[in-house]
Amino acid sequence: MSRRLWLVLGALWSTSALADAYDFRIYQLGNPQSAPAANANFRAFSRRLAAGITSANLSPPETLGHSAFAITADLSVVDFGEAKEAGHIPTQQSITGPVLLPSIHVRKGLPWSFELGVRAAWFEKSRMGTGTLELKWALNEGFTYLPDICVRGSITKILNSRDFDVTAGGLDLGIGKQFAIAGMVTLTPYIGWNLVFVGASSNNVDFNPSRTLAEADAPGAEFSNYYVFDSVLAANNTNNRFYGGFRFIAGVVQLGFEFSYTTLGSFNDSKIGTVDGTCQDRQVCMPPVLAYNSTVGFDF
């Protein structure tokens, strides 16, 4: 009796009625036991997702100063390009356009030109979010005729995912310059390059979530069609992100816009060969990821 109860509860948990439109269902990537491209799909998916959740910087190279504080509401509009079908972005319902990632970004200035920041974001139409912790150090800032230069380290993690984990660590270099306008407003254009390391793993995945109770109750069926994807090692999976933007500050109010372009590179899979951004003749592909980011908030 207890076994049947657990099977019923499992069936209820796996039903699509409990899932939001853009919740991920990685069983759609294929079972590694039977689908040759499954592990390559998972590896490519983790790099695409990491590109999306790390697509916003939205702060120029200069730091806030040791006693300053900033809080902003940010919005990222992420375009995954040609990779939107279930085999590439395995959501409950197909992604039909750019994905919105609204977030709250809090930054605190520290002594010696350091700055600490945290960001909490929500993945549109899903029950998932992301958390980011970042530390920035301005190598050069505040000089009249020299640009501001900074290095920034960050770590971003997907939160509340169902049966997988993606963590992205980043290191970027930024350069910019602040200009005063009429003594009341400052404009700061900036550009940068971000190297992102992507690690991912999965739990045991049910590759037949639509099985009936009778099928689940068959001898040995409770362990059939369950498997894990090969882990994705961060050292072997890197994305290159190029970004540029500008920020206005008037009083304590700040506005900003940023464009982000991420190339996912390529890798060789032992079963299907080369995986790159070519979607016309590749079973699995990784086209560039574009993002348009905006911010509004207060700088104290």
Protein backbone atom coordinates (compact mmCIF):
# COMPACT_ATOMS: atom_id res chain seq x y z
CA MET A 1 0.00 0.00 0.00
CA SER A 2 2.75 2.44 0.96
CA ARG A 3 4.56 1.72 -2.30
CA ARG A 4 1.46 2.60 -4.30
CA LEU A 5 1.05 5.80 -2.30
CA TRP A 6 4.58 6.91 -3.12
CA LEU A 7 4.04 6.14 -6.80
CA VAL A 8 0.85 8.22 -6.85
CA LEU A 9 2.63 11.11 -5.15
CA GLY A 10 5.47 10.85 -7.66
CA ALA A 11 3.05 10.92 -10.56
CA LEU A 12 1.32 13.97 -9.14
CA TRP A 13 4.64 15.73 -8.64
CA SER A 14 5.73 15.11 -12.23
CA THR A 15 2.51 16.29 -13.84
CA SER A 16 2.82 19.29 -16.12
CA ALA A 17 0.05 21.11 -14.28
CA LEU A 18 2.55 21.93 -11.55
CA ALA A 19 5.06 23.44 -13.93
CA ASP A 20 5.28 27.01 -15.17
CA ALA A 21 5.79 27.65 -18.88
CA TYR A 22 9.56 28.19 -18.76
CA ASP A 23 10.46 25.68 -16.06
CA PHE A 24 13.19 23.43 -17.39
CA ARG A 25 12.50 19.77 -18.14
CA ILE A 26 15.91 18.36 -19.00
CA TYR A 27 14.57 14.89 -19.81
CA GLN A 28 13.77 16.45 -23.21
CA LEU A 29 17.52 16.54 -23.92
CA GLY A 30 17.48 12.75 -24.31
CA ASN A 31 18.50 9.75 -22.25
CA PRO A 32 22.30 9.22 -22.37
CA GLN A 33 21.68 5.46 -22.32
CA SER A 34 19.93 5.53 -25.69
CA ALA A 35 20.41 8.97 -27.33
CA PRO A 36 23.97 9.57 -28.62
CA ALA A 37 23.55 13.36 -28.49
CA ALA A 38 22.13 13.53 -24.95
CA ASN A 39 25.30 14.48 -23.06
CA ALA A 40 26.29 16.96 -25.75
CA ASN A 41 22.80 18.48 -25.49
CA PHE A 42 23.21 18.87 -21.72
CA ARG A 43 26.65 20.42 -22.06
CA ALA A 44 25.47 22.86 -24.73
CA PHE A 45 22.35 23.70 -22.72
CA SER A 46 24.40 24.52 -19.62
CA ARG A 47 26.56 26.94 -21.63
CA ARG A 48 23.53 28.63 -23.18
CA LEU A 49 21.84 29.00 -19.81
CA ALA A 50 25.01 30.34 -18.21
CA ALA A 51 25.30 32.91 -21.01
CA GLY A 52 21.77 34.07 -20.26
CA ILE A 53 22.08 34.36 -16.49
CA THR A 54 25.47 36.13 -16.63
CA SER A 55 24.50 38.59 -19.38
CA ALA A 56 24.27 41.72 -17.19
CA ASN A 57 26.97 43.82 -15.57
CA LEU A 58 25.24 47.23 -15.56
CA SER A 59 27.92 49.12 -13.68
CA PRO A 60 30.94 50.98 -15.10
CA PRO A 61 34.51 50.32 -13.95
CA GLU A 62 34.58 53.05 -11.32
CA THR A 63 33.66 52.02 -7.78
CA LEU A 64 31.22 53.74 -5.44
CA GLY A 65 33.74 54.89 -2.85
CA HIS A 66 34.23 53.40 0.60
CA SER A 67 31.04 54.87 2.13
CA ALA A 68 28.65 54.81 -0.85
CA PHE A 69 25.77 52.48 -1.57
CA ALA A 70 23.65 51.76 -4.67
CA ILE A 71 20.45 49.83 -5.28
CA THR A 72 18.90 49.34 -8.71
CA ALA A 73 16.12 47.48 -10.48
CA ASP A 74 17.54 45.83 -13.60
CA LEU A 75 16.00 44.11 -16.60
CA SER A 76 17.77 41.77 -19.03
CA VAL A 77 16.13 40.84 -22.32
CA VAL A 78 17.96 37.69 -23.45
CA ASP A 79 17.79 36.33 -26.99
CA PHE A 80 19.00 32.72 -27.29
CA GLY A 81 18.99 32.95 -31.09
CA GLU A 82 18.23 29.83 -33.08
CA ALA A 83 18.48 27.49 -30.06
CA LYS A 84 14.91 27.61 -28.74
CA GLU A 85 13.43 24.19 -29.46
CA ALA A 86 13.10 21.51 -26.76
CA GLY A 87 16.38 19.82 -27.70
CA HIS A 88 18.25 23.05 -27.03
CA ILE A 89 16.29 24.94 -24.35
CA PRO A 90 14.14 22.24 -22.68
CA THR A 91 11.31 24.27 -21.15
CA GLN A 92 7.81 23.08 -20.27
CA GLN A 93 6.47 25.18 -23.15
CA SER A 94 8.53 26.36 -26.10
CA ILE A 95 10.29 29.70 -25.84
CA THR A 96 8.83 31.92 -28.56
CA GLY A 97 10.97 35.05 -28.18
CA PRO A 98 13.47 36.80 -25.92
CA VAL A 99 13.38 35.85 -22.24
CA LEU A 100 13.06 38.48 -19.51
CA LEU A 101 15.26 38.36 -16.40
CA PRO A 102 14.28 41.13 -13.97
CA SER A 103 16.58 41.56 -10.97
CA ILE A 104 17.50 43.62 -7.93
CA HIS A 105 21.15 44.69 -7.76
CA VAL A 106 22.74 46.00 -4.56
CA ARG A 107 26.31 47.34 -4.44
CA LYS A 108 28.39 48.61 -1.52
CA GLY A 109 31.62 50.55 -1.78
CA LEU A 110 34.61 49.37 0.23
CA PRO A 111 38.01 50.90 1.06
CA TRP A 112 40.97 50.70 -1.37
CA SER A 113 38.78 50.90 -4.50
CA PHE A 114 36.90 47.67 -3.87
CA GLU A 115 33.18 47.14 -4.32
CA LEU A 116 30.93 44.25 -3.26
CA GLY A 117 27.68 43.45 -5.05
CA VAL A 118 24.82 40.96 -4.93
CA ARG A 119 22.11 40.37 -7.50
CA ALA A 120 18.87 38.38 -7.25
CA ALA A 121 17.09 37.64 -10.53
CA TRP A 122 13.96 35.79 -11.65
CA PHE A 123 13.74 33.70 -14.81
CA GLU A 124 10.54 34.79 -16.55
CA LYS A 125 7.49 32.45 -16.49
CA SER A 126 9.21 30.01 -14.16
CA ARG A 127 9.72 29.22 -10.49
CA MET A 128 13.47 29.57 -10.89
CA GLY A 129 15.81 32.38 -10.03
CA THR A 130 19.50 33.17 -9.95
CA GLY A 131 21.82 34.56 -7.32
CA THR A 132 25.06 36.43 -8.04
CA LEU A 133 27.89 37.50 -5.77
CA GLU A 134 30.51 39.86 -7.24
CA LEU A 135 33.65 41.67 -6.16
CA LYS A 136 35.12 44.52 -8.19
CA TRP A 137 38.49 46.24 -7.85
CA ALA A 138 39.30 49.46 -9.69
CA LEU A 139 42.92 49.35 -10.78
CA ASN A 140 42.71 52.95 -11.89
CA GLU A 141 39.91 55.48 -11.34
CA GLY A 142 39.25 59.16 -10.90
CA PHE A 143 42.16 60.58 -12.94
CA THR A 144 41.39 63.53 -15.20
CA TYR A 145 42.97 62.29 -18.40
CA LEU A 146 43.08 58.53 -17.84
CA PRO A 147 40.24 56.01 -18.18
CA ASP A 148 38.90 53.97 -15.28
CA ILE A 149 39.94 50.31 -15.37
CA CYS A 150 38.65 47.48 -13.20
CA VAL A 151 38.71 43.73 -12.76
CA ARG A 152 35.61 41.94 -11.50
CA GLY A 153 35.07 38.44 -10.24
CA SER A 154 31.61 36.90 -9.91
CA ILE A 155 29.80 33.65 -9.26
CA THR A 156 26.23 33.02 -10.43
CA LYS A 157 24.07 30.04 -9.56
CA ILE A 158 20.68 28.87 -10.80
CA LEU A 159 18.22 28.52 -7.92
CA ASN A 160 15.21 26.24 -7.47
CA SER A 161 15.98 24.13 -10.53
CA ARG A 162 14.29 20.77 -10.45
CA ASP A 163 16.91 18.14 -11.20
CA PHE A 164 20.09 19.90 -12.33
CA ASP A 165 22.54 22.56 -11.26
CA VAL A 166 24.42 25.21 -13.25
CA THR A 167 27.07 27.44 -11.69
CA ALA A 168 28.98 30.10 -13.63
CA GLY A 169 32.11 31.81 -12.41
CA GLY A 170 33.26 34.92 -14.23
CA LEU A 171 36.29 37.16 -14.50
CA ASP A 172 36.00 40.37 -16.47
CA LEU A 173 38.02 43.42 -17.40
CA GLY A 174 36.27 46.75 -17.92
CA ILE A 175 37.31 50.20 -19.10
CA GLY A 176 35.31 53.43 -19.06
CA LYS A 177 35.39 57.15 -18.39
CA GLN A 178 33.04 59.51 -16.54
CA PHE A 179 32.16 62.87 -18.11
CA ALA A 180 30.38 65.75 -16.38
CA ILE A 181 27.56 67.51 -18.25
CA ALA A 182 26.61 71.04 -17.16
CA GLY A 183 27.84 70.30 -13.67
CA MET A 184 24.60 68.46 -12.86
CA VAL A 185 24.74 65.15 -14.71
CA THR A 186 27.48 62.60 -15.34
CA LEU A 187 27.67 60.27 -18.32
CA THR A 188 29.87 57.19 -18.15
CA PRO A 189 30.36 55.07 -21.28
CA TYR A 190 32.17 51.75 -20.79
CA ILE A 191 33.12 48.51 -22.52
CA GLY A 192 34.42 45.19 -21.25
CA TRP A 193 35.23 41.53 -21.76
CA ASN A 194 33.98 38.76 -19.50
CA LEU A 195 35.34 35.19 -19.41
CA VAL A 196 32.73 32.83 -17.94
CA PHE A 197 33.48 29.31 -16.63
CA VAL A 198 30.47 26.99 -16.67
CA GLY A 199 29.99 23.95 -14.45
CA ALA A 200 26.87 21.77 -14.43
CA SER A 201 25.57 18.48 -13.08
CA SER A 202 22.31 16.60 -12.90
CA ASN A 203 20.51 14.44 -10.39
CA ASN A 204 18.80 11.20 -11.42
CA VAL A 205 16.45 12.21 -14.22
CA ASP A 206 13.19 10.47 -15.04
CA PHE A 207 13.17 10.21 -18.83
CA ASN A 208 9.60 8.88 -18.93
CA PRO A 209 7.64 11.23 -16.63
CA SER A 210 4.36 10.51 -18.43
CA ARG A 211 4.29 6.82 -17.46
CA THR A 212 0.96 5.58 -16.16
CA LEU A 213 0.46 4.21 -12.67
CA ALA A 214 0.09 0.71 -14.13
CA GLU A 215 3.41 1.07 -15.94
CA ALA A 216 5.10 2.39 -12.82
CA ASP A 217 3.72 -0.50 -10.80
CA ALA A 218 5.26 -3.14 -13.07
CA PRO A 219 8.11 -5.13 -11.46
CA GLY A 220 11.37 -3.19 -11.73
CA ALA A 221 9.75 -0.23 -13.52
CA GLU A 222 10.42 2.13 -10.67
CA PHE A 223 14.11 2.10 -11.64
CA SER A 224 13.77 2.02 -15.44
CA ASN A 225 14.39 5.08 -17.61
CA TYR A 226 16.31 6.88 -14.84
CA TYR A 227 19.82 8.11 -15.53
CA VAL A 228 22.21 11.04 -15.04
CA PHE A 229 23.99 13.28 -17.53
CA ASP A 230 27.76 13.54 -17.57
CA SER A 231 28.93 16.41 -15.38
CA VAL A 232 30.15 19.55 -17.13
CA LEU A 233 33.54 20.67 -15.79
CA ALA A 234 33.96 24.43 -15.49
CA ALA A 235 37.63 24.37 -16.51
CA ASN A 236 36.69 22.87 -19.90
CA ASN A 237 33.67 25.07 -20.63
CA THR A 238 34.14 28.78 -21.14
CA ASN A 239 32.06 31.53 -22.73
CA ASN A 240 33.40 34.87 -23.94
CA ARG A 241 31.10 37.82 -23.31
CA PHE A 242 31.67 41.27 -24.78
CA TYR A 243 29.64 44.16 -23.43
CA GLY A 244 29.29 47.91 -23.68
CA GLY A 245 26.98 50.49 -22.23
CA PHE A 246 26.55 53.83 -20.56
CA ARG A 247 25.25 55.21 -17.27
CA PHE A 248 23.65 58.55 -16.39
CA ILE A 249 23.63 59.94 -12.85
CA ALA A 250 21.63 63.03 -11.88
CA GLY A 251 21.68 63.66 -8.15
CA VAL A 252 21.08 60.27 -6.59
CA VAL A 253 19.15 58.84 -9.56
CA GLN A 254 20.94 56.65 -12.08
CA LEU A 255 19.87 55.21 -15.42
CA GLY A 256 21.80 52.84 -17.62
CA PHE A 257 21.74 50.64 -20.70
CA GLU A 258 24.06 47.82 -21.73
CA PHE A 259 24.43 45.52 -24.72
CA SER A 260 25.90 42.03 -24.26
CA TYR A 261 27.14 39.55 -26.87
CA THR A 262 28.26 36.08 -25.74
CA THR A 263 30.05 33.58 -27.96
CA LEU A 264 29.80 29.98 -26.70
CA GLY A 265 32.77 28.59 -28.60
CA SER A 266 32.83 24.89 -29.47
CA PHE A 267 33.66 21.47 -28.10
CA ASN A 268 34.17 17.97 -29.46
CA ASP A 269 31.81 15.29 -28.22
CA SER A 270 33.00 11.70 -28.34
CA LYS A 271 29.75 10.46 -29.92
CA ILE A 272 28.53 13.20 -32.27
CA GLY A 273 31.68 15.20 -33.05
CA THR A 274 31.94 18.98 -33.20
CA VAL A 275 29.43 21.20 -31.44
CA ASP A 276 29.64 24.90 -32.32
CA GLY A 277 27.46 27.80 -33.40
CA THR A 278 26.60 26.30 -36.80
CA CYS A 279 22.97 25.24 -36.57
CA GLN A 280 22.44 24.29 -40.23
CA ASP A 281 24.57 21.13 -40.29
CA ARG A 282 25.00 20.28 -36.61
CA GLN A 283 22.83 17.97 -34.54
CA VAL A 284 23.63 20.17 -31.54
CA CYS A 285 24.57 23.84 -31.87
CA MET A 286 25.46 26.85 -29.73
CA PRO A 287 24.67 30.15 -31.49
CA PRO A 288 25.70 33.42 -29.81
CA VAL A 289 23.48 34.80 -27.05
CA LEU A 290 22.46 38.47 -27.16
CA ALA A 291 21.15 40.52 -24.26
CA TYR A 292 19.83 44.04 -23.85
CA ASN A 293 20.09 45.25 -20.27
CA SER A 294 18.68 48.33 -18.57
CA THR A 295 18.79 49.70 -15.04
CA VAL A 296 17.20 52.39 -12.90
CA GLY A 297 17.97 53.08 -9.28
CA PHE A 298 19.65 55.20 -6.64
CA ASP A 299 23.30 55.92 -5.91
CA PHE A 300 23.92 57.35 -2.41
